[in-house]
Amino acid sequence: MNLAYRFLPTILLLIVFTACSNSSIETDDSTPIYPPNNYKTKNVVVIIMDGARYSETWGDITQQYIPKISGQLASKGIINTSFYNNGPTWTISGHAAITTGHYQDLNNSGKEIPKYSSIFQNFRKAKNVKAASTWMISSKDKLEVLNNCVDSNWKNKYQPNTNCGVNGLGSGYREDAVTFEKILEILTNDQPQLTLINLREPDFSGHTGNWNDYLDGLRASDEYIYKIWQFLENNPFYQGKTSLFITNDHGRHLDDLGGFSSHGDDCDGCRHILFYAHGPDFKQNAVIDIKRELIDIPSTIAELLGFPMPDRSGKVMTELFLK
């Protein structure tokens, strides 16, 4: 039994295990599972806890470093213990997999835009909504490059609003505490329907090589994520109509392959990452062990919000949905 199962009721776990024991799910994701208007989800928020290693999240039997996610959130959503970044395990490439549905080996300093259009661009075009309906909010300034793409059919078109780093690309990273305040401000004032959030911790502290600072960064991000979830649950615009995804862009090296202070290769420590989803169309109090990956997130978002995203590599994660 996966160690992460232990914090859920035994009876439910047996039900979930029986229902989800198949390790592969095939679906024709070019066709919606249901007509889009049958979904209760009207808004999607994706939160990336930058650079957390699986062994310190679901892989830890105690989940001691993510007490709010494992304690308050877990029973209200669905966990996948077999979720991966199967592309370059760097910050920009990991985030680009979530925004475009493709793995791309992008410059990690913020000097290169993705080749493919993003979920924001596809959503804005399909729904004919203003830029303020889509937001990227990031502690790391370099992630601002994800608001555009090389494809001439999409370049400089249908871009999301951004609030990244101290003051945009090239301005440097900012504290997650500042980002958290910006998140609440933007969600309150603009009420975006599609939002991607980056918290720089624990990656930022992990790179210092200080183990205790890395763990403190994990706990801090866990707390911010919980507070964002509370906001979504209590704000009239988002309450009961919002799906939340929580994941990492990459993990970190295994202890015998360089350790937690860095990342960037294909070891299991860098690839195996946290996944959690919560929303009105998703199962609750469920743990699954089905191999999925970052590029499946945008396909699932497109399914929920009912917009086409034909140029993608990922699949809809049908196992998340209520049947």
Protein backbone atom coordinates (compact mmCIF):
# COMPACT_ATOMS: atom_id res chain seq x y z
CA MET A 1 0.00 0.00 0.00
CA ASN A 2 1.29 3.48 -0.83
CA LEU A 3 2.27 5.25 2.36
CA ALA A 4 0.23 8.32 1.39
CA TYR A 5 -2.95 6.22 1.71
CA ARG A 6 -2.66 6.03 5.49
CA PHE A 7 -4.19 9.38 6.23
CA LEU A 8 -7.52 8.54 4.55
CA PRO A 9 -10.28 6.31 5.95
CA THR A 10 -9.65 2.61 5.37
CA ILE A 11 -13.00 1.83 3.79
CA LEU A 12 -12.69 4.65 1.29
CA LEU A 13 -9.18 3.59 0.42
CA LEU A 14 -10.35 0.10 -0.47
CA ILE A 15 -13.01 1.57 -2.72
CA VAL A 16 -10.56 3.93 -4.40
CA PHE A 17 -7.94 1.21 -4.85
CA THR A 18 -10.46 -1.10 -6.47
CA ALA A 19 -11.79 1.58 -8.77
CA CYS A 20 -8.39 2.95 -9.75
CA SER A 21 -6.01 -0.01 -9.76
CA ASN A 22 -5.57 0.17 -13.54
CA SER A 23 -2.26 1.96 -14.10
CA SER A 24 -3.18 3.38 -17.50
CA ILE A 25 -6.24 5.15 -18.78
CA GLU A 26 -6.77 5.65 -22.48
CA THR A 27 -9.17 8.27 -23.74
CA ASP A 28 -9.85 10.08 -26.96
CA ASP A 29 -9.23 13.51 -25.50
CA SER A 30 -10.19 15.28 -28.73
CA THR A 31 -13.82 14.81 -27.71
CA PRO A 32 -15.18 16.30 -24.47
CA ILE A 33 -16.19 13.78 -21.81
CA TYR A 34 -19.38 15.74 -21.26
CA PRO A 35 -20.81 18.81 -22.97
CA PRO A 36 -18.89 21.75 -21.43
CA ASN A 37 -22.03 23.31 -19.96
CA ASN A 38 -22.49 20.20 -17.80
CA TYR A 39 -19.48 21.12 -15.67
CA LYS A 40 -19.89 23.21 -12.56
CA THR A 41 -16.36 24.57 -12.92
CA LYS A 42 -16.28 28.13 -14.26
CA ASN A 43 -12.83 29.09 -12.97
CA VAL A 44 -9.47 27.33 -12.65
CA VAL A 45 -6.50 28.16 -10.42
CA VAL A 46 -3.17 26.34 -10.75
CA ILE A 47 -0.62 26.73 -7.94
CA ILE A 48 2.97 25.64 -8.44
CA MET A 49 4.98 25.04 -5.28
CA ASP A 50 8.35 25.47 -6.95
CA GLY A 51 10.85 22.65 -6.63
CA ALA A 52 9.49 20.47 -3.85
CA ARG A 53 10.83 16.92 -3.75
CA TYR A 54 8.24 14.14 -3.53
CA SER A 55 10.03 12.57 -0.56
CA GLU A 56 9.11 15.66 1.47
CA THR A 57 5.47 15.80 0.30
CA TRP A 58 3.25 12.77 -0.39
CA GLY A 59 6.29 10.48 -0.19
CA ASP A 60 6.70 11.22 3.50
CA ILE A 61 4.36 9.04 5.58
CA THR A 62 3.85 11.88 8.06
CA GLN A 63 3.33 14.68 5.50
CA GLN A 64 4.84 16.82 8.27
CA TYR A 65 6.09 19.53 5.91
CA ILE A 66 2.73 20.05 4.18
CA PRO A 67 0.35 19.83 7.17
CA LYS A 68 -2.35 22.05 5.68
CA ILE A 69 -2.47 20.35 2.28
CA SER A 70 -2.41 16.86 3.82
CA GLY A 71 -4.66 17.76 6.75
CA GLN A 72 -7.27 20.27 5.63
CA LEU A 73 -7.25 19.88 1.83
CA ALA A 74 -6.56 16.19 1.13
CA SER A 75 -9.97 14.84 2.10
CA LYS A 76 -11.70 17.48 -0.01
CA GLY A 77 -10.02 16.52 -3.27
CA ILE A 78 -8.04 13.88 -5.12
CA ILE A 79 -4.36 12.97 -4.83
CA ASN A 80 -2.30 11.21 -7.49
CA THR A 81 0.82 9.57 -6.08
CA SER A 82 2.25 8.80 -9.54
CA PHE A 83 2.59 12.25 -11.08
CA TYR A 84 5.70 13.31 -13.02
CA ASN A 85 7.56 15.91 -14.98
CA ASN A 86 8.70 13.83 -17.94
CA GLY A 87 10.49 16.72 -19.65
CA PRO A 88 13.32 19.05 -18.67
CA THR A 89 13.29 19.42 -14.89
CA TRP A 90 13.94 23.16 -14.76
CA THR A 91 11.67 25.98 -13.62
CA ILE A 92 10.71 27.57 -16.94
CA SER A 93 10.42 24.27 -18.83
CA GLY A 94 8.32 22.76 -16.04
CA HIS A 95 5.95 25.71 -15.97
CA ALA A 96 5.79 25.78 -19.78
CA ALA A 97 4.62 22.16 -19.77
CA ILE A 98 1.67 23.30 -17.66
CA THR A 99 0.87 26.36 -19.77
CA THR A 100 1.35 24.84 -23.26
CA GLY A 101 0.88 21.08 -22.94
CA HIS A 102 4.34 20.43 -24.41
CA TYR A 103 7.76 19.67 -23.01
CA GLN A 104 10.30 22.17 -24.30
CA ASP A 105 13.95 22.67 -23.43
CA LEU A 106 13.79 26.41 -22.77
CA ASN A 107 16.48 28.74 -21.50
CA ASN A 108 16.02 28.84 -17.73
CA SER A 109 17.09 32.47 -17.32
CA GLY A 110 14.04 33.99 -18.97
CA LYS A 111 15.58 34.65 -22.38
CA GLU A 112 13.36 32.42 -24.50
CA ILE A 113 9.62 32.22 -25.06
CA PRO A 114 7.81 28.91 -25.66
CA LYS A 115 7.22 27.63 -29.17
CA TYR A 116 3.55 26.82 -28.55
CA SER A 117 0.48 28.85 -27.59
CA SER A 118 -0.68 28.76 -23.98
CA ILE A 119 -3.86 27.81 -22.18
CA PHE A 120 -4.39 31.53 -21.58
CA GLN A 121 -4.22 32.40 -25.26
CA ASN A 122 -6.48 29.54 -26.30
CA PHE A 123 -8.98 30.36 -23.55
CA ARG A 124 -9.10 34.06 -24.35
CA LYS A 125 -9.60 33.46 -28.06
CA ALA A 126 -12.29 30.81 -27.61
CA LYS A 127 -14.23 32.71 -24.95
CA ASN A 128 -13.59 36.23 -26.28
CA VAL A 129 -12.61 37.51 -22.83
CA LYS A 130 -10.36 40.38 -21.80
CA ALA A 131 -6.78 39.94 -20.63
CA ALA A 132 -7.79 40.52 -17.00
CA SER A 133 -9.78 37.26 -17.12
CA THR A 134 -6.45 35.42 -17.27
CA TRP A 135 -3.51 36.01 -14.94
CA MET A 136 0.00 34.70 -14.30
CA ILE A 137 1.18 35.69 -10.81
CA SER A 138 4.72 34.65 -9.93
CA SER A 139 7.41 35.27 -7.34
CA LYS A 140 9.95 34.58 -10.08
CA ASP A 141 10.23 37.35 -12.66
CA LYS A 142 11.59 35.08 -15.38
CA LEU A 143 8.28 33.23 -15.72
CA GLU A 144 6.85 36.28 -17.47
CA VAL A 145 8.23 34.79 -20.73
CA LEU A 146 5.36 32.30 -20.61
CA ASN A 147 2.84 34.98 -21.56
CA ASN A 148 3.85 34.76 -25.23
CA CYS A 149 5.00 32.23 -27.83
CA VAL A 150 6.99 31.86 -31.04
CA ASP A 151 4.09 30.58 -33.17
CA SER A 152 3.26 33.44 -35.57
CA ASN A 153 -0.45 32.62 -35.37
CA TRP A 154 -0.39 33.42 -31.66
CA LYS A 155 2.59 35.66 -30.97
CA ASN A 156 1.59 38.91 -29.21
CA LYS A 157 -2.07 37.85 -29.30
CA TYR A 158 -4.51 36.90 -26.54
CA GLN A 159 -1.85 37.22 -23.85
CA PRO A 160 -2.69 37.01 -20.15
CA ASN A 161 -2.06 39.72 -17.63
CA THR A 162 1.10 39.14 -15.61
CA ASN A 163 2.47 40.12 -12.24
CA CYS A 164 5.90 38.52 -11.98
CA GLY A 165 8.85 39.21 -9.73
CA VAL A 166 9.68 42.61 -8.29
CA ASN A 167 8.49 44.45 -11.40
CA GLY A 168 8.37 42.12 -14.38
CA LEU A 169 10.99 40.30 -16.44
CA GLY A 170 14.54 41.16 -15.42
CA SER A 171 13.56 42.76 -12.11
CA GLY A 172 14.46 39.82 -9.87
CA TYR A 173 12.58 37.47 -7.57
CA ARG A 174 10.34 38.67 -4.77
CA GLU A 175 9.28 37.13 -1.47
CA ASP A 176 6.28 34.78 -1.56
CA ALA A 177 4.71 36.97 1.13
CA VAL A 178 4.51 39.80 -1.43
CA THR A 179 3.17 37.43 -4.09
CA PHE A 180 0.49 36.20 -1.69
CA GLU A 181 -0.81 39.74 -1.18
CA LYS A 182 -0.83 40.30 -4.96
CA ILE A 183 -2.78 37.07 -5.42
CA LEU A 184 -5.55 38.14 -3.07
CA GLU A 185 -5.64 41.61 -4.60
CA ILE A 186 -5.93 40.33 -8.18
CA LEU A 187 -8.44 37.59 -7.39
CA THR A 188 -10.59 40.11 -5.53
CA ASN A 189 -10.43 42.97 -8.02
CA ASP A 190 -10.20 41.24 -11.42
CA GLN A 191 -11.89 37.92 -10.66
CA PRO A 192 -9.91 36.03 -13.33
CA GLN A 193 -11.35 32.79 -14.65
CA LEU A 194 -7.95 31.22 -15.35
CA THR A 195 -5.01 31.87 -13.03
CA LEU A 196 -1.54 30.38 -12.67
CA ILE A 197 0.41 31.07 -9.48
CA ASN A 198 4.10 30.43 -8.76
CA LEU A 199 5.48 30.34 -5.22
CA ARG A 200 9.27 30.37 -5.30
CA GLU A 201 9.63 28.25 -2.18
CA PRO A 202 10.98 25.74 -1.41
CA ASP A 203 13.12 25.94 -4.57
CA PHE A 204 14.69 29.26 -3.64
CA SER A 205 15.84 28.05 -0.22
CA GLY A 206 16.73 24.61 -1.55
CA HIS A 207 19.39 26.13 -3.78
CA THR A 208 21.14 27.59 -0.73
CA GLY A 209 21.90 24.06 0.44
CA ASN A 210 20.42 24.73 3.86
CA TRP A 211 18.16 21.80 4.74
CA ASN A 212 16.23 23.59 7.46
CA ASP A 213 15.57 26.60 5.22
CA TYR A 214 14.33 24.25 2.50
CA LEU A 215 11.88 22.64 4.94
CA ASP A 216 10.77 26.05 6.20
CA GLY A 217 10.10 27.03 2.59
CA LEU A 218 7.92 23.95 2.17
CA ARG A 219 5.91 24.78 5.27
CA ALA A 220 5.50 28.40 4.22
CA SER A 221 4.18 27.47 0.76
CA ASP A 222 1.85 24.94 2.35
CA GLU A 223 0.41 27.73 4.52
CA TYR A 224 0.01 30.16 1.60
CA ILE A 225 -1.72 27.50 -0.48
CA TYR A 226 -4.13 26.79 2.35
CA LYS A 227 -4.97 30.49 2.66
CA ILE A 228 -5.56 30.75 -1.09
CA TRP A 229 -7.86 27.73 -0.90
CA GLN A 230 -9.75 29.37 1.96
CA PHE A 231 -10.19 32.50 -0.12
CA LEU A 232 -11.55 30.51 -3.08
CA GLU A 233 -13.94 28.63 -0.81
CA ASN A 234 -15.38 31.80 0.72
CA ASN A 235 -15.35 34.35 -2.10
CA PRO A 236 -18.79 34.51 -3.81
CA PHE A 237 -17.28 34.65 -7.30
CA TYR A 238 -15.20 31.49 -6.81
CA GLN A 239 -17.16 29.51 -4.22
CA GLY A 240 -18.43 26.19 -5.58
CA LYS A 241 -17.37 27.08 -9.14
CA THR A 242 -13.59 26.78 -9.06
CA SER A 243 -11.20 23.90 -9.68
CA LEU A 244 -7.80 24.06 -8.01
CA PHE A 245 -4.66 22.21 -9.12
CA ILE A 246 -1.59 22.02 -6.88
CA THR A 247 1.68 20.62 -8.19
CA ASN A 248 5.42 21.25 -8.63
CA ASP A 249 7.34 22.25 -11.74
CA HIS A 250 10.08 19.78 -10.83
CA GLY A 251 11.49 17.94 -7.85
CA ARG A 252 15.09 17.77 -6.62
CA HIS A 253 17.99 15.35 -6.87
CA LEU A 254 17.89 12.20 -4.79
CA ASP A 255 20.29 12.20 -1.85
CA ASP A 256 22.73 9.83 -3.57
CA LEU A 257 22.61 11.83 -6.83
CA GLY A 258 23.56 15.29 -5.66
CA GLY A 259 20.95 15.93 -3.00
CA PHE A 260 18.22 18.46 -2.43
CA SER A 261 20.25 21.58 -3.28
CA SER A 262 19.74 21.23 -7.04
CA HIS A 263 17.76 19.57 -9.84
CA GLY A 264 17.72 19.26 -13.61
CA ASP A 265 18.28 15.62 -14.55
CA ASP A 266 16.01 12.61 -15.06
CA CYS A 267 16.44 10.99 -11.64
CA ASP A 268 13.23 10.06 -9.86
CA GLY A 269 13.82 12.82 -7.34
CA CYS A 270 13.64 15.44 -10.10
CA ARG A 271 10.75 13.82 -11.98
CA HIS A 272 8.36 12.52 -9.29
CA ILE A 273 6.23 15.40 -7.99
CA LEU A 274 3.16 16.26 -5.95
CA PHE A 275 -0.32 16.40 -7.48
CA TYR A 276 -3.61 17.40 -5.89
CA ALA A 277 -6.88 18.58 -7.44
CA HIS A 278 -10.04 19.96 -5.87
CA GLY A 279 -13.23 21.20 -7.48
CA PRO A 280 -16.96 20.71 -7.94
CA ASP A 281 -16.43 18.23 -10.79
CA PHE A 282 -13.72 16.17 -9.09
CA LYS A 283 -13.80 13.24 -6.68
CA GLN A 284 -13.20 13.87 -3.00
CA ASN A 285 -11.28 11.97 -0.35
CA ALA A 286 -9.57 9.92 -3.04
CA VAL A 287 -6.02 8.71 -3.63
CA ILE A 288 -5.03 7.24 -6.98
CA ASP A 289 -1.83 5.75 -8.37
CA ILE A 290 -2.14 6.34 -12.10
CA LYS A 291 0.82 7.56 -14.13
CA ARG A 292 0.16 11.11 -15.25
CA GLU A 293 2.34 14.10 -16.01
CA LEU A 294 2.52 17.88 -16.21
CA ILE A 295 1.37 18.12 -19.82
CA ASP A 296 -1.95 16.50 -18.82
CA ILE A 297 -2.91 19.52 -16.72
CA PRO A 298 -3.69 21.93 -19.61
CA SER A 299 -5.69 19.27 -21.44
CA THR A 300 -7.78 18.78 -18.31
CA ILE A 301 -8.24 22.54 -17.88
CA ALA A 302 -9.41 22.85 -21.49
CA GLU A 303 -11.92 20.08 -20.82
CA LEU A 304 -13.25 21.78 -17.68
CA LEU A 305 -13.59 25.25 -19.16
CA GLY A 306 -14.79 24.06 -22.56
CA PHE A 307 -12.25 25.51 -24.98
CA PRO A 308 -10.26 23.83 -27.76
CA MET A 309 -6.54 23.31 -27.40
CA PRO A 310 -5.73 21.12 -30.39
CA ASP A 311 -1.97 21.71 -30.36
CA ARG A 312 -1.09 19.76 -27.23
CA SER A 313 0.61 16.54 -26.21
CA GLY A 314 -1.19 15.75 -22.97
CA LYS A 315 -4.41 13.91 -22.19
CA VAL A 316 -7.47 14.69 -20.12
CA MET A 317 -7.15 13.14 -16.66
CA THR A 318 -10.57 11.49 -16.76
CA GLU A 319 -9.94 9.64 -13.51
CA LEU A 320 -10.24 12.89 -11.56
CA PHE A 321 -13.85 13.44 -12.55
CA LEU A 322 -17.03 12.44 -10.80
CA LYS A 323 -18.79 9.79 -12.83
